Amino acid sequence: MLSGGPAMTYVPAIADRPVNTIAMTGYQVEGTPGRDLLETGSAEIDGRVMPVSAQVEAYDFSAHADREGVLSFLDAYRDSRLLINHGDRCESFARELRADGHDASAPTLGETVRLS
C-alpha cells in the first residue's frame, strides 16, 4: 500500500521514468498512498507528494482468504470475542458478524480495548 517497507526506497527511484512499471499486487485500501497512486497517478511517499510517470498496473495477487474463506474460518470462533481491525469496512463487517451471532466489534483508531 506504499506506506512502509522497501517500496519507500525503490518507488521514488523509478517513479520518474515512463518506461518503468510499478505493479500493485494486492488490494489498496482507501486513503493509502497505493490507492492514491492507482486513482490519481501520484502518491505521498515519505511526506512528499510525488507525481509518478512510471506505468502503474494493478493485479489481484492477494494472499488473503476470500469472504467465504474468512466466514468459514470464523465459525470456529463463535464463543470468542472478535476484534475487526483490517480493511476499509471494519465496522460494517463487525455489524454483519454480530447479526450472525458473533461477539464482534471494530475498535476505532486509538481506542483502548481490554482483553480478559
PDB file of N, CA and C in Angstrom:
ATOM      1  N   MET A   1       0.813  -1.186   0.000  1.00  0.00           N
ATOM      2  CA  MET A   1       0.000   0.000   0.000  1.00  0.00           C
ATOM      3  C   MET A   1       0.859   1.253   0.000  1.00  0.00           C
ATOM      4  N   LEU A   2       2.151   1.033  -0.180  1.00  0.00           N
ATOM      5  CA  LEU A   2       3.143   2.106  -0.248  1.00  0.00           C
ATOM      6  C   LEU A   2       3.193   2.944   1.031  1.00  0.00           C
ATOM      7  N   SER A   3       3.016   2.275   2.158  1.00  0.00           N
ATOM      8  CA  SER A   3       3.073   3.004   3.426  1.00  0.00           C
ATOM      9  C   SER A   3       4.214   2.524   4.308  1.00  0.00           C
ATOM     10  N   GLY A   4       5.139   1.777   3.753  1.00  0.00           N
ATOM     11  CA  GLY A   4       6.299   1.320   4.508  1.00  0.00           C
ATOM     12  C   GLY A   4       7.039   0.234   3.745  1.00  0.00           C
ATOM     13  N   GLY A   5       8.177  -0.158   4.264  1.00  0.00           N
ATOM     14  CA  GLY A   5       8.962  -1.234   3.664  1.00  0.00           C
ATOM     15  C   GLY A   5       9.838  -0.772   2.517  1.00  0.00           C
ATOM     16  N   PRO A   6      10.363  -1.735   1.756  1.00  0.00           N
ATOM     17  CA  PRO A   6      11.296  -1.427   0.674  1.00  0.00           C
ATOM     18  C   PRO A   6      10.721  -0.521  -0.411  1.00  0.00           C
ATOM     19  N   ALA A   7       9.411  -0.550  -0.598  1.00  0.00           N
ATOM     20  CA  ALA A   7       8.801   0.291  -1.634  1.00  0.00           C
ATOM     21  C   ALA A   7       9.077   1.766  -1.409  1.00  0.00           C
ATOM     22  N   MET A   8       9.296   2.146  -0.158  1.00  0.00           N
ATOM     23  CA  MET A   8       9.568   3.549   0.149  1.00  0.00           C
ATOM     24  C   MET A   8      10.886   4.003  -0.471  1.00  0.00           C
ATOM     25  N   THR A   9      11.757   3.073  -0.793  1.00  0.00           N
ATOM     26  CA  THR A   9      13.039   3.387  -1.420  1.00  0.00           C
ATOM     27  C   THR A   9      12.987   3.231  -2.928  1.00  0.00           C
ATOM     28  N   TYR A  10      12.427   2.110  -3.400  1.00  0.00           N
ATOM     29  CA  TYR A  10      12.521   1.874  -4.836  1.00  0.00           C
ATOM     30  C   TYR A  10      11.464   2.597  -5.658  1.00  0.00           C
ATOM     31  N   VAL A  11      10.289   2.889  -5.117  1.00  0.00           N
ATOM     32  CA  VAL A  11       9.300   3.627  -5.910  1.00  0.00           C
ATOM     33  C   VAL A  11       9.825   5.017  -6.278  1.00  0.00           C
ATOM     34  N   PRO A  12      10.349   5.795  -5.325  1.00  0.00           N
ATOM     35  CA  PRO A  12      10.895   7.099  -5.729  1.00  0.00           C
ATOM     36  C   PRO A  12      12.039   6.985  -6.748  1.00  0.00           C
ATOM     37  N   ALA A  13      12.782   5.891  -6.689  1.00  0.00           N
ATOM     38  CA  ALA A  13      13.917   5.727  -7.596  1.00  0.00           C
ATOM     39  C   ALA A  13      13.483   5.453  -9.033  1.00  0.00           C
ATOM     40  N   ILE A  14      12.296   4.893  -9.231  1.00  0.00           N
ATOM     41  CA  ILE A  14      11.860   4.549 -10.591  1.00  0.00           C
ATOM     42  C   ILE A  14      10.644   5.348 -11.065  1.00  0.00           C
ATOM     43  N   ALA A  15      10.070   6.164 -10.197  1.00  0.00           N
ATOM     44  CA  ALA A  15       8.796   6.831 -10.482  1.00  0.00           C
ATOM     45  C   ALA A  15       8.835   7.811 -11.648  1.00  0.00           C
ATOM     46  N   ASP A  16       9.976   8.378 -11.939  1.00  0.00           N
ATOM     47  CA  ASP A  16      10.026   9.437 -12.951  1.00  0.00           C
ATOM     48  C   ASP A  16      10.284   8.929 -14.362  1.00  0.00           C
ATOM     49  N   ARG A  17      10.351   7.636 -14.568  1.00  0.00           N
ATOM     50  CA  ARG A  17      10.661   7.095 -15.897  1.00  0.00           C
ATOM     51  C   ARG A  17       9.459   6.347 -16.473  1.00  0.00           C
ATOM     52  N   PRO A  18       8.857   6.825 -17.559  1.00  0.00           N
ATOM     53  CA  PRO A  18       7.683   6.172 -18.162  1.00  0.00           C
ATOM     54  C   PRO A  18       7.934   4.749 -18.650  1.00  0.00           C
ATOM     55  N   VAL A  19       9.205   4.369 -18.835  1.00  0.00           N
ATOM     56  CA  VAL A  19       9.498   3.001 -19.280  1.00  0.00           C
ATOM     57  C   VAL A  19       9.414   2.001 -18.119  1.00  0.00           C
ATOM     58  N   ASN A  20       9.370   2.503 -16.879  1.00  0.00           N
ATOM     59  CA  ASN A  20       9.268   1.625 -15.708  1.00  0.00           C
ATOM     60  C   ASN A  20       7.806   1.310 -15.403  1.00  0.00           C
ATOM     61  N   THR A  21       7.602   0.211 -14.705  1.00  0.00           N
ATOM     62  CA  THR A  21       6.258  -0.181 -14.291  1.00  0.00           C
ATOM     63  C   THR A  21       6.253  -0.456 -12.797  1.00  0.00           C
ATOM     64  N   ILE A  22       5.257   0.066 -12.120  1.00  0.00           N
ATOM     65  CA  ILE A  22       5.018  -0.244 -10.714  1.00  0.00           C
ATOM     66  C   ILE A  22       3.807  -1.161 -10.694  1.00  0.00           C
ATOM     67  N   ALA A  23       4.002  -2.387 -10.258  1.00  0.00           N
ATOM     68  CA  ALA A  23       2.936  -3.382 -10.225  1.00  0.00           C
ATOM     69  C   ALA A  23       2.383  -3.483  -8.807  1.00  0.00           C
ATOM     70  N   MET A  24       1.134  -3.100  -8.637  1.00  0.00           N
ATOM     71  CA  MET A  24       0.454  -3.195  -7.349  1.00  0.00           C
ATOM     72  C   MET A  24      -0.191  -4.580  -7.306  1.00  0.00           C
ATOM     73  N   THR A  25       0.225  -5.415  -6.367  1.00  0.00           N
ATOM     74  CA  THR A  25      -0.171  -6.822  -6.393  1.00  0.00           C
ATOM     75  C   THR A  25      -1.157  -7.215  -5.308  1.00  0.00           C
ATOM     76  N   GLY A  26      -1.937  -6.308  -4.851  1.00  0.00           N
ATOM     77  CA  GLY A  26      -2.962  -6.628  -3.865  1.00  0.00           C
ATOM     78  C   GLY A  26      -3.892  -5.457  -3.699  1.00  0.00           C
ATOM     79  N   TYR A  27      -4.911  -5.658  -2.897  1.00  0.00           N
ATOM     80  CA  TYR A  27      -5.907  -4.629  -2.648  1.00  0.00           C
ATOM     81  C   TYR A  27      -5.252  -3.416  -1.993  1.00  0.00           C
ATOM     82  N   GLN A  28      -5.603  -2.243  -2.462  1.00  0.00           N
ATOM     83  CA  GLN A  28      -5.076  -0.992  -1.921  1.00  0.00           C
ATOM     84  C   GLN A  28      -6.201  -0.285  -1.158  1.00  0.00           C
ATOM     85  N   VAL A  29      -6.067  -0.213   0.145  1.00  0.00           N
ATOM     86  CA  VAL A  29      -7.094   0.371   0.994  1.00  0.00           C
ATOM     87  C   VAL A  29      -7.252   1.857   0.706  1.00  0.00           C
ATOM     88  N   GLU A  30      -8.502   2.324   0.710  1.00  0.00           N
ATOM     89  CA  GLU A  30      -8.800   3.735   0.505  1.00  0.00           C
ATOM     90  C   GLU A  30      -8.020   4.585   1.509  1.00  0.00           C
ATOM     91  N   GLY A  31      -7.438   5.675   1.028  1.00  0.00           N
ATOM     92  CA  GLY A  31      -6.685   6.578   1.887  1.00  0.00           C
ATOM     93  C   GLY A  31      -5.211   6.230   2.014  1.00  0.00           C
ATOM     94  N   THR A  32      -4.760   5.158   1.374  1.00  0.00           N
ATOM     95  CA  THR A  32      -3.341   4.801   1.419  1.00  0.00           C
ATOM     96  C   THR A  32      -2.637   5.346   0.181  1.00  0.00           C
ATOM     97  N   PRO A  33      -1.316   5.521   0.262  1.00  0.00           N
ATOM     98  CA  PRO A  33      -0.579   6.002  -0.913  1.00  0.00           C
ATOM     99  C   PRO A  33      -0.746   5.089  -2.130  1.00  0.00           C
ATOM    100  N   GLY A  34      -0.843   3.793  -1.915  1.00  0.00           N
ATOM    101  CA  GLY A  34      -1.033   2.867  -3.038  1.00  0.00           C
ATOM    102  C   GLY A  34      -2.337   3.116  -3.769  1.00  0.00           C
ATOM    103  N   ARG A  35      -3.399   3.324  -3.019  1.00  0.00           N
ATOM    104  CA  ARG A  35      -4.704   3.605  -3.621  1.00  0.00           C
ATOM    105  C   ARG A  35      -4.663   4.955  -4.338  1.00  0.00           C
ATOM    106  N   ASP A  36      -4.035   5.953  -3.694  1.00  0.00           N
ATOM    107  CA  ASP A  36      -3.900   7.265  -4.340  1.00  0.00           C
ATOM    108  C   ASP A  36      -3.156   7.142  -5.667  1.00  0.00           C
ATOM    109  N   LEU A  37      -2.105   6.365  -5.675  1.00  0.00           N
ATOM    110  CA  LEU A  37      -1.317   6.186  -6.894  1.00  0.00           C
ATOM    111  C   LEU A  37      -2.176   5.590  -8.006  1.00  0.00           C
ATOM    112  N   LEU A  38      -2.966   4.571  -7.684  1.00  0.00           N
ATOM    113  CA  LEU A  38      -3.819   3.955  -8.694  1.00  0.00           C
ATOM    114  C   LEU A  38      -4.884   4.929  -9.210  1.00  0.00           C
ATOM    115  N   GLU A  39      -5.433   5.734  -8.317  1.00  0.00           N
ATOM    116  CA  GLU A  39      -6.539   6.610  -8.701  1.00  0.00           C
ATOM    117  C   GLU A  39      -6.109   7.947  -9.300  1.00  0.00           C
ATOM    118  N   THR A  40      -4.956   8.469  -8.872  1.00  0.00           N
ATOM    119  CA  THR A  40      -4.581   9.826  -9.290  1.00  0.00           C
ATOM    120  C   THR A  40      -3.262   9.924 -10.047  1.00  0.00           C
ATOM    121  N   GLY A  41      -2.451   8.879 -10.004  1.00  0.00           N
ATOM    122  CA  GLY A  41      -1.155   8.946 -10.661  1.00  0.00           C
ATOM    123  C   GLY A  41      -0.081   9.604  -9.818  1.00  0.00           C
ATOM    124  N   SER A  42      -0.395   9.908  -8.556  1.00  0.00           N
ATOM    125  CA  SER A  42       0.613  10.432  -7.640  1.00  0.00           C
ATOM    126  C   SER A  42       0.342   9.853  -6.262  1.00  0.00           C
ATOM    127  N   ALA A  43       1.354   9.916  -5.402  1.00  0.00           N
ATOM    128  CA  ALA A  43       1.216   9.364  -4.060  1.00  0.00           C
ATOM    129  C   ALA A  43       2.130  10.114  -3.111  1.00  0.00           C
ATOM    130  N   GLU A  44       1.702  10.192  -1.860  1.00  0.00           N
ATOM    131  CA  GLU A  44       2.554  10.787  -0.833  1.00  0.00           C
ATOM    132  C   GLU A  44       3.463   9.697  -0.283  1.00  0.00           C
ATOM    133  N   ILE A  45       4.763   9.878  -0.490  1.00  0.00           N
ATOM    134  CA  ILE A  45       5.756   8.922  -0.028  1.00  0.00           C
ATOM    135  C   ILE A  45       6.800   9.689   0.765  1.00  0.00           C
ATOM    136  N   ASP A  46       7.014   9.251   1.989  1.00  0.00           N
ATOM    137  CA  ASP A  46       7.953   9.924   2.902  1.00  0.00           C
ATOM    138  C   ASP A  46       7.635  11.407   3.059  1.00  0.00           C
ATOM    139  N   GLY A  47       6.347  11.746   3.139  1.00  0.00           N
ATOM    140  CA  GLY A  47       5.949  13.117   3.416  1.00  0.00           C
ATOM    141  C   GLY A  47       5.924  14.057   2.232  1.00  0.00           C
ATOM    142  N   ARG A  48       6.182  13.547   1.045  1.00  0.00           N
ATOM    143  CA  ARG A  48       6.116  14.430  -0.120  1.00  0.00           C
ATOM    144  C   ARG A  48       5.238  13.814  -1.195  1.00  0.00           C
ATOM    145  N   VAL A  49       4.395  14.628  -1.782  1.00  0.00           N
ATOM    146  CA  VAL A  49       3.527  14.151  -2.855  1.00  0.00           C
ATOM    147  C   VAL A  49       4.369  14.019  -4.116  1.00  0.00           C
ATOM    148  N   MET A  50       4.339  12.846  -4.690  1.00  0.00           N
ATOM    149  CA  MET A  50       5.211  12.525  -5.806  1.00  0.00           C
ATOM    150  C   MET A  50       4.383  12.135  -7.035  1.00  0.00           C
ATOM    151  N   PRO A  51       4.427  12.945  -8.100  1.00  0.00           N
ATOM    152  CA  PRO A  51       3.778  12.501  -9.333  1.00  0.00           C
ATOM    153  C   PRO A  51       4.576  11.334  -9.910  1.00  0.00           C
ATOM    154  N   VAL A  52       3.890  10.370 -10.463  1.00  0.00           N
ATOM    155  CA  VAL A  52       4.551   9.168 -10.968  1.00  0.00           C
ATOM    156  C   VAL A  52       4.372   9.088 -12.479  1.00  0.00           C
ATOM    157  N   SER A  53       5.476   9.079 -13.199  1.00  0.00           N
ATOM    158  CA  SER A  53       5.447   8.934 -14.651  1.00  0.00           C
ATOM    159  C   SER A  53       5.523   7.476 -15.072  1.00  0.00           C
ATOM    160  N   ALA A  54       6.001   6.625 -14.177  1.00  0.00           N
ATOM    161  CA  ALA A  54       6.071   5.196 -14.477  1.00  0.00           C
ATOM    162  C   ALA A  54       4.657   4.663 -14.705  1.00  0.00           C
ATOM    163  N   GLN A  55       4.565   3.591 -15.463  1.00  0.00           N
ATOM    164  CA  GLN A  55       3.275   2.945 -15.650  1.00  0.00           C
ATOM    165  C   GLN A  55       2.884   2.276 -14.331  1.00  0.00           C
ATOM    166  N   VAL A  56       1.614   2.341 -13.982  1.00  0.00           N
ATOM    167  CA  VAL A  56       1.122   1.720 -12.757  1.00  0.00           C
ATOM    168  C   VAL A  56       0.062   0.700 -13.149  1.00  0.00           C
ATOM    169  N   GLU A  57       0.276  -0.542 -12.728  1.00  0.00           N
ATOM    170  CA  GLU A  57      -0.660  -1.616 -13.047  1.00  0.00           C
ATOM    171  C   GLU A  57      -1.104  -2.302 -11.767  1.00  0.00           C
ATOM    172  N   ALA A  58      -2.351  -2.758 -11.745  1.00  0.00           N
ATOM    173  CA  ALA A  58      -2.899  -3.434 -10.572  1.00  0.00           C
ATOM    174  C   ALA A  58      -3.194  -4.890 -10.910  1.00  0.00           C
ATOM    175  N   TYR A  59      -2.775  -5.787 -10.016  1.00  0.00           N
ATOM    176  CA  TYR A  59      -3.022  -7.221 -10.153  1.00  0.00           C
ATOM    177  C   TYR A  59      -3.610  -7.732  -8.849  1.00  0.00           C
ATOM    178  N   ASP A  60      -4.532  -8.666  -8.938  1.00  0.00           N
ATOM    179  CA  ASP A  60      -5.156  -9.221  -7.738  1.00  0.00           C
ATOM    180  C   ASP A  60      -4.411 -10.495  -7.335  1.00  0.00           C
ATOM    181  N   PHE A  61      -3.273 -10.328  -6.654  1.00  0.00           N
ATOM    182  CA  PHE A  61      -2.487 -11.450  -6.157  1.00  0.00           C
ATOM    183  C   PHE A  61      -2.570 -11.535  -4.642  1.00  0.00           C
ATOM    184  N   SER A  62      -3.690 -11.179  -4.085  1.00  0.00           N
ATOM    185  CA  SER A  62      -3.836 -11.126  -2.634  1.00  0.00           C
ATOM    186  C   SER A  62      -3.597 -12.488  -2.003  1.00  0.00           C
ATOM    187  N   ALA A  63      -2.916 -12.488  -0.870  1.00  0.00           N
ATOM    188  CA  ALA A  63      -2.688 -13.714  -0.112  1.00  0.00           C
ATOM    189  C   ALA A  63      -3.772 -13.900   0.943  1.00  0.00           C
ATOM    190  N   HIS A  64      -4.751 -13.003   0.980  1.00  0.00           N
ATOM    191  CA  HIS A  64      -5.836 -13.095   1.949  1.00  0.00           C
ATOM    192  C   HIS A  64      -6.887 -14.095   1.484  1.00  0.00           C
ATOM    193  N   ALA A  65      -7.586 -14.647   2.439  1.00  0.00           N
ATOM    194  CA  ALA A  65      -8.715 -15.514   2.109  1.00  0.00           C
ATOM    195  C   ALA A  65      -9.835 -14.650   1.521  1.00  0.00           C
ATOM    196  N   ASP A  66     -10.674 -15.272   0.709  1.00  0.00           N
ATOM    197  CA  ASP A  66     -11.831 -14.533   0.213  1.00  0.00           C
ATOM    198  C   ASP A  66     -12.891 -14.469   1.312  1.00  0.00           C
ATOM    199  N   ARG A  67     -13.979 -13.803   1.031  1.00  0.00           N
ATOM    200  CA  ARG A  67     -15.039 -13.581   2.015  1.00  0.00           C
ATOM    201  C   ARG A  67     -15.538 -14.897   2.616  1.00  0.00           C
ATOM    202  N   GLU A  68     -15.849 -15.863   1.761  1.00  0.00           N
ATOM    203  CA  GLU A  68     -16.367 -17.137   2.264  1.00  0.00           C
ATOM    204  C   GLU A  68     -15.315 -17.877   3.095  1.00  0.00           C
ATOM    205  N   GLY A  69     -14.055 -17.740   2.712  1.00  0.00           N
ATOM    206  CA  GLY A  69     -12.980 -18.366   3.484  1.00  0.00           C
ATOM    207  C   GLY A  69     -12.866 -17.768   4.884  1.00  0.00           C
ATOM    208  N   VAL A  70     -12.992 -16.431   4.971  1.00  0.00           N
ATOM    209  CA  VAL A  70     -12.927 -15.761   6.277  1.00  0.00           C
ATOM    210  C   VAL A  70     -14.116 -16.172   7.144  1.00  0.00           C
ATOM    211  N   LEU A  71     -15.320 -16.168   6.568  1.00  0.00           N
ATOM    212  CA  LEU A  71     -16.510 -16.538   7.334  1.00  0.00           C
ATOM    213  C   LEU A  71     -16.426 -17.988   7.808  1.00  0.00           C
ATOM    214  N   SER A  72     -15.933 -18.862   6.976  1.00  0.00           N
ATOM    215  CA  SER A  72     -15.768 -20.265   7.362  1.00  0.00           C
ATOM    216  C   SER A  72     -14.766 -20.405   8.508  1.00  0.00           C
ATOM    217  N   PHE A  73     -13.670 -19.681   8.412  1.00  0.00           N
ATOM    218  CA  PHE A  73     -12.656 -19.696   9.469  1.00  0.00           C
ATOM    219  C   PHE A  73     -13.237 -19.206  10.790  1.00  0.00           C
ATOM    220  N   LEU A  74     -14.032 -18.136  10.739  1.00  0.00           N
ATOM    221  CA  LEU A  74     -14.580 -17.539  11.958  1.00  0.00           C
ATOM    222  C   LEU A  74     -15.642 -18.408  12.624  1.00  0.00           C
ATOM    223  N   ASP A  75     -16.228 -19.357  11.907  1.00  0.00           N
ATOM    224  CA  ASP A  75     -17.206 -20.257  12.522  1.00  0.00           C
ATOM    225  C   ASP A  75     -16.620 -20.991  13.723  1.00  0.00           C
ATOM    226  N   ALA A  76     -15.338 -21.274  13.690  1.00  0.00           N
ATOM    227  CA  ALA A  76     -14.687 -21.982  14.804  1.00  0.00           C
ATOM    228  C   ALA A  76     -14.520 -21.088  16.027  1.00  0.00           C
ATOM    229  N   TYR A  77     -14.809 -19.798  15.907  1.00  0.00           N
ATOM    230  CA  TYR A  77     -14.598 -18.842  16.994  1.00  0.00           C
ATOM    231  C   TYR A  77     -15.908 -18.201  17.458  1.00  0.00           C
ATOM    232  N   ARG A  78     -17.000 -18.917  17.361  1.00  0.00           N
ATOM    233  CA  ARG A  78     -18.304 -18.365  17.757  1.00  0.00           C
ATOM    234  C   ARG A  78     -18.360 -18.018  19.240  1.00  0.00           C
ATOM    235  N   ASP A  79     -17.569 -18.687  20.069  1.00  0.00           N
ATOM    236  CA  ASP A  79     -17.575 -18.403  21.508  1.00  0.00           C
ATOM    237  C   ASP A  79     -16.497 -17.398  21.901  1.00  0.00           C
ATOM    238  N   SER A  80     -15.862 -16.769  20.936  1.00  0.00           N
ATOM    239  CA  SER A  80     -14.761 -15.839  21.204  1.00  0.00           C
ATOM    240  C   SER A  80     -15.180 -14.414  20.847  1.00  0.00           C
ATOM    241  N   ARG A  81     -14.519 -13.479  21.461  1.00  0.00           N
ATOM    242  CA  ARG A  81     -14.702 -12.074  21.118  1.00  0.00           C
ATOM    243  C   ARG A  81     -13.838 -11.774  19.895  1.00  0.00           C
ATOM    244  N   LEU A  82     -14.411 -11.150  18.887  1.00  0.00           N
ATOM    245  CA  LEU A  82     -13.691 -10.831  17.657  1.00  0.00           C
ATOM    246  C   LEU A  82     -13.491  -9.330  17.542  1.00  0.00           C
ATOM    247  N   LEU A  83     -12.262  -8.920  17.282  1.00  0.00           N
ATOM    248  CA  LEU A  83     -11.937  -7.514  17.033  1.00  0.00           C
ATOM    249  C   LEU A  83     -11.567  -7.395  15.561  1.00  0.00           C
ATOM    250  N   ILE A  84     -12.342  -6.649  14.827  1.00  0.00           N
ATOM    251  CA  ILE A  84     -12.121  -6.488  13.394  1.00  0.00           C
ATOM    252  C   ILE A  84     -11.303  -5.214  13.183  1.00  0.00           C
ATOM    253  N   ASN A  85     -10.068  -5.359  12.653  1.00  0.00           N
ATOM    254  CA  ASN A  85      -9.196  -4.191  12.536  1.00  0.00           C
ATOM    255  C   ASN A  85      -8.364  -4.179  11.265  1.00  0.00           C
ATOM    256  N   HIS A  86      -8.795  -4.895  10.233  1.00  0.00           N
ATOM    257  CA  HIS A  86      -8.029  -4.893   8.991  1.00  0.00           C
ATOM    258  C   HIS A  86      -9.000  -4.745   7.821  1.00  0.00           C
ATOM    259  N   GLY A  87      -8.786  -3.730   7.016  1.00  0.00           N
ATOM    260  CA  GLY A  87      -9.653  -3.493   5.875  1.00  0.00           C
ATOM    261  C   GLY A  87     -10.238  -2.096   5.926  1.00  0.00           C
ATOM    262  N   ASP A  88     -11.088  -1.796   4.980  1.00  0.00           N
ATOM    263  CA  ASP A  88     -11.647  -0.446   4.929  1.00  0.00           C
ATOM    264  C   ASP A  88     -13.130  -0.385   5.288  1.00  0.00           C
ATOM    265  N   ARG A  89     -13.724  -1.503   5.694  1.00  0.00           N
ATOM    266  CA  ARG A  89     -15.126  -1.516   6.134  1.00  0.00           C
ATOM    267  C   ARG A  89     -15.273  -2.349   7.398  1.00  0.00           C
ATOM    268  N   CYS A  90     -14.411  -2.081   8.367  1.00  0.00           N
ATOM    269  CA  CYS A  90     -14.372  -2.883   9.588  1.00  0.00           C
ATOM    270  C   CYS A  90     -15.687  -2.847  10.357  1.00  0.00           C
ATOM    271  N   GLU A  91     -16.255  -1.665  10.538  1.00  0.00           N
ATOM    272  CA  GLU A  91     -17.486  -1.560  11.338  1.00  0.00           C
ATOM    273  C   GLU A  91     -18.638  -2.308  10.688  1.00  0.00           C
ATOM    274  N   SER A  92     -18.789  -2.189   9.382  1.00  0.00           N
ATOM    275  CA  SER A  92     -19.899  -2.893   8.725  1.00  0.00           C
ATOM    276  C   SER A  92     -19.694  -4.407   8.781  1.00  0.00           C
ATOM    277  N   PHE A  93     -18.448  -4.871   8.694  1.00  0.00           N
ATOM    278  CA  PHE A  93     -18.180  -6.310   8.797  1.00  0.00           C
ATOM    279  C   PHE A  93     -18.461  -6.796  10.218  1.00  0.00           C
ATOM    280  N   ALA A  94     -18.060  -6.021  11.223  1.00  0.00           N
ATOM    281  CA  ALA A  94     -18.344  -6.390  12.616  1.00  0.00           C
ATOM    282  C   ALA A  94     -19.856  -6.439  12.837  1.00  0.00           C
ATOM    283  N   ARG A  95     -20.586  -5.495  12.284  1.00  0.00           N
ATOM    284  CA  ARG A  95     -22.048  -5.461  12.411  1.00  0.00           C
ATOM    285  C   ARG A  95     -22.668  -6.709  11.776  1.00  0.00           C
ATOM    286  N   GLU A  96     -22.163  -7.092  10.617  1.00  0.00           N
ATOM    287  CA  GLU A  96     -22.645  -8.299   9.938  1.00  0.00           C
ATOM    288  C   GLU A  96     -22.362  -9.546  10.784  1.00  0.00           C
ATOM    289  N   LEU A  97     -21.165  -9.604  11.377  1.00  0.00           N
ATOM    290  CA  LEU A  97     -20.826 -10.755  12.227  1.00  0.00           C
ATOM    291  C   LEU A  97     -21.726 -10.804  13.466  1.00  0.00           C
ATOM    292  N   ARG A  98     -22.020  -9.650  14.042  1.00  0.00           N
ATOM    293  CA  ARG A  98     -22.922  -9.605  15.199  1.00  0.00           C
ATOM    294  C   ARG A  98     -24.302 -10.127  14.816  1.00  0.00           C
ATOM    295  N   ALA A  99     -24.781  -9.746  13.641  1.00  0.00           N
ATOM    296  CA  ALA A  99     -26.088 -10.214  13.165  1.00  0.00           C
ATOM    297  C   ALA A  99     -26.091 -11.728  12.980  1.00  0.00           C
ATOM    298  N   ASP A 100     -24.918 -12.293  12.760  1.00  0.00           N
ATOM    299  CA  ASP A 100     -24.786 -13.742  12.582  1.00  0.00           C
ATOM    300  C   ASP A 100     -24.457 -14.452  13.903  1.00  0.00           C
ATOM    301  N   GLY A 101     -24.498 -13.710  15.027  1.00  0.00           N
ATOM    302  CA  GLY A 101     -24.321 -14.336  16.335  1.00  0.00           C
ATOM    303  C   GLY A 101     -22.942 -14.232  16.949  1.00  0.00           C
ATOM    304  N   HIS A 102     -22.020 -13.563  16.307  1.00  0.00           N
ATOM    305  CA  HIS A 102     -20.669 -13.386  16.851  1.00  0.00           C
ATOM    306  C   HIS A 102     -20.630 -12.188  17.803  1.00  0.00           C
ATOM    307  N   ASP A 103     -19.704 -12.229  18.750  1.00  0.00           N
ATOM    308  CA  ASP A 103     -19.415 -11.072  19.604  1.00  0.00           C
ATOM    309  C   ASP A 103     -18.285 -10.312  18.905  1.00  0.00           C
ATOM    310  N   ALA A 104     -18.644  -9.400  18.005  1.00  0.00           N
ATOM    311  CA  ALA A 104     -17.650  -8.719  17.163  1.00  0.00           C
ATOM    312  C   ALA A 104     -17.763  -7.209  17.301  1.00  0.00           C
ATOM    313  N   SER A 105     -16.614  -6.554  17.258  1.00  0.00           N
ATOM    314  CA  SER A 105     -16.577  -5.098  17.260  1.00  0.00           C
ATOM    315  C   SER A 105     -15.395  -4.637  16.415  1.00  0.00           C
ATOM    316  N   ALA A 106     -15.437  -3.350  16.051  1.00  0.00           N
ATOM    317  CA  ALA A 106     -14.370  -2.745  15.252  1.00  0.00           C
ATOM    318  C   ALA A 106     -13.852  -1.527  16.007  1.00  0.00           C
ATOM    319  N   PRO A 107     -12.809  -1.704  16.817  1.00  0.00           N
ATOM    320  CA  PRO A 107     -12.270  -0.560  17.572  1.00  0.00           C
ATOM    321  C   PRO A 107     -11.823   0.550  16.636  1.00  0.00           C
ATOM    322  N   THR A 108     -11.969   1.772  17.086  1.00  0.00           N
ATOM    323  CA  THR A 108     -11.520   2.918  16.306  1.00  0.00           C
ATOM    324  C   THR A 108     -10.039   3.182  16.573  1.00  0.00           C
ATOM    325  N   LEU A 109      -9.411   3.937  15.725  1.00  0.00           N
ATOM    326  CA  LEU A 109      -8.007   4.282  15.874  1.00  0.00           C
ATOM    327  C   LEU A 109      -7.792   4.961  17.221  1.00  0.00           C
ATOM    328  N   GLY A 110      -6.883   4.419  18.013  1.00  0.00           N
ATOM    329  CA  GLY A 110      -6.557   4.981  19.315  1.00  0.00           C
ATOM    330  C   GLY A 110      -7.423   4.468  20.453  1.00  0.00           C
ATOM    331  N   GLU A 111      -8.471   3.725  20.141  1.00  0.00           N
ATOM    332  CA  GLU A 111      -9.355   3.182  21.175  1.00  0.00           C
ATOM    333  C   GLU A 111      -8.622   2.086  21.959  1.00  0.00           C
ATOM    334  N   THR A 112      -8.787   2.088  23.280  1.00  0.00           N
ATOM    335  CA  THR A 112      -8.211   1.046  24.130  1.00  0.00           C
ATOM    336  C   THR A 112      -9.239  -0.062  24.324  1.00  0.00           C
ATOM    337  N   VAL A 113      -8.826  -1.283  24.114  1.00  0.00           N
ATOM    338  CA  VAL A 113      -9.699  -2.437  24.291  1.00  0.00           C
ATOM    339  C   VAL A 113      -9.084  -3.334  25.343  1.00  0.00           C
ATOM    340  N   ARG A 114      -9.846  -3.653  26.370  1.00  0.00           N
ATOM    341  CA  ARG A 114      -9.368  -4.550  27.431  1.00  0.00           C
ATOM    342  C   ARG A 114      -9.727  -5.979  27.063  1.00  0.00           C
ATOM    343  N   LEU A 115      -8.745  -6.841  27.086  1.00  0.00           N
ATOM    344  CA  LEU A 115      -8.948  -8.249  26.828  1.00  0.00           C
ATOM    345  C   LEU A 115      -8.862  -8.993  28.152  1.00  0.00           C
ATOM    346  N   SER A 116      -9.834  -9.817  28.424  1.00  0.00           N
ATOM    347  CA  SER A 116      -9.794 -10.567  29.683  1.00  0.00           C
ATOM    348  C   SER A 116     -10.065 -12.017  29.454  1.00  0.00           C
TER     349      SER A 116
END
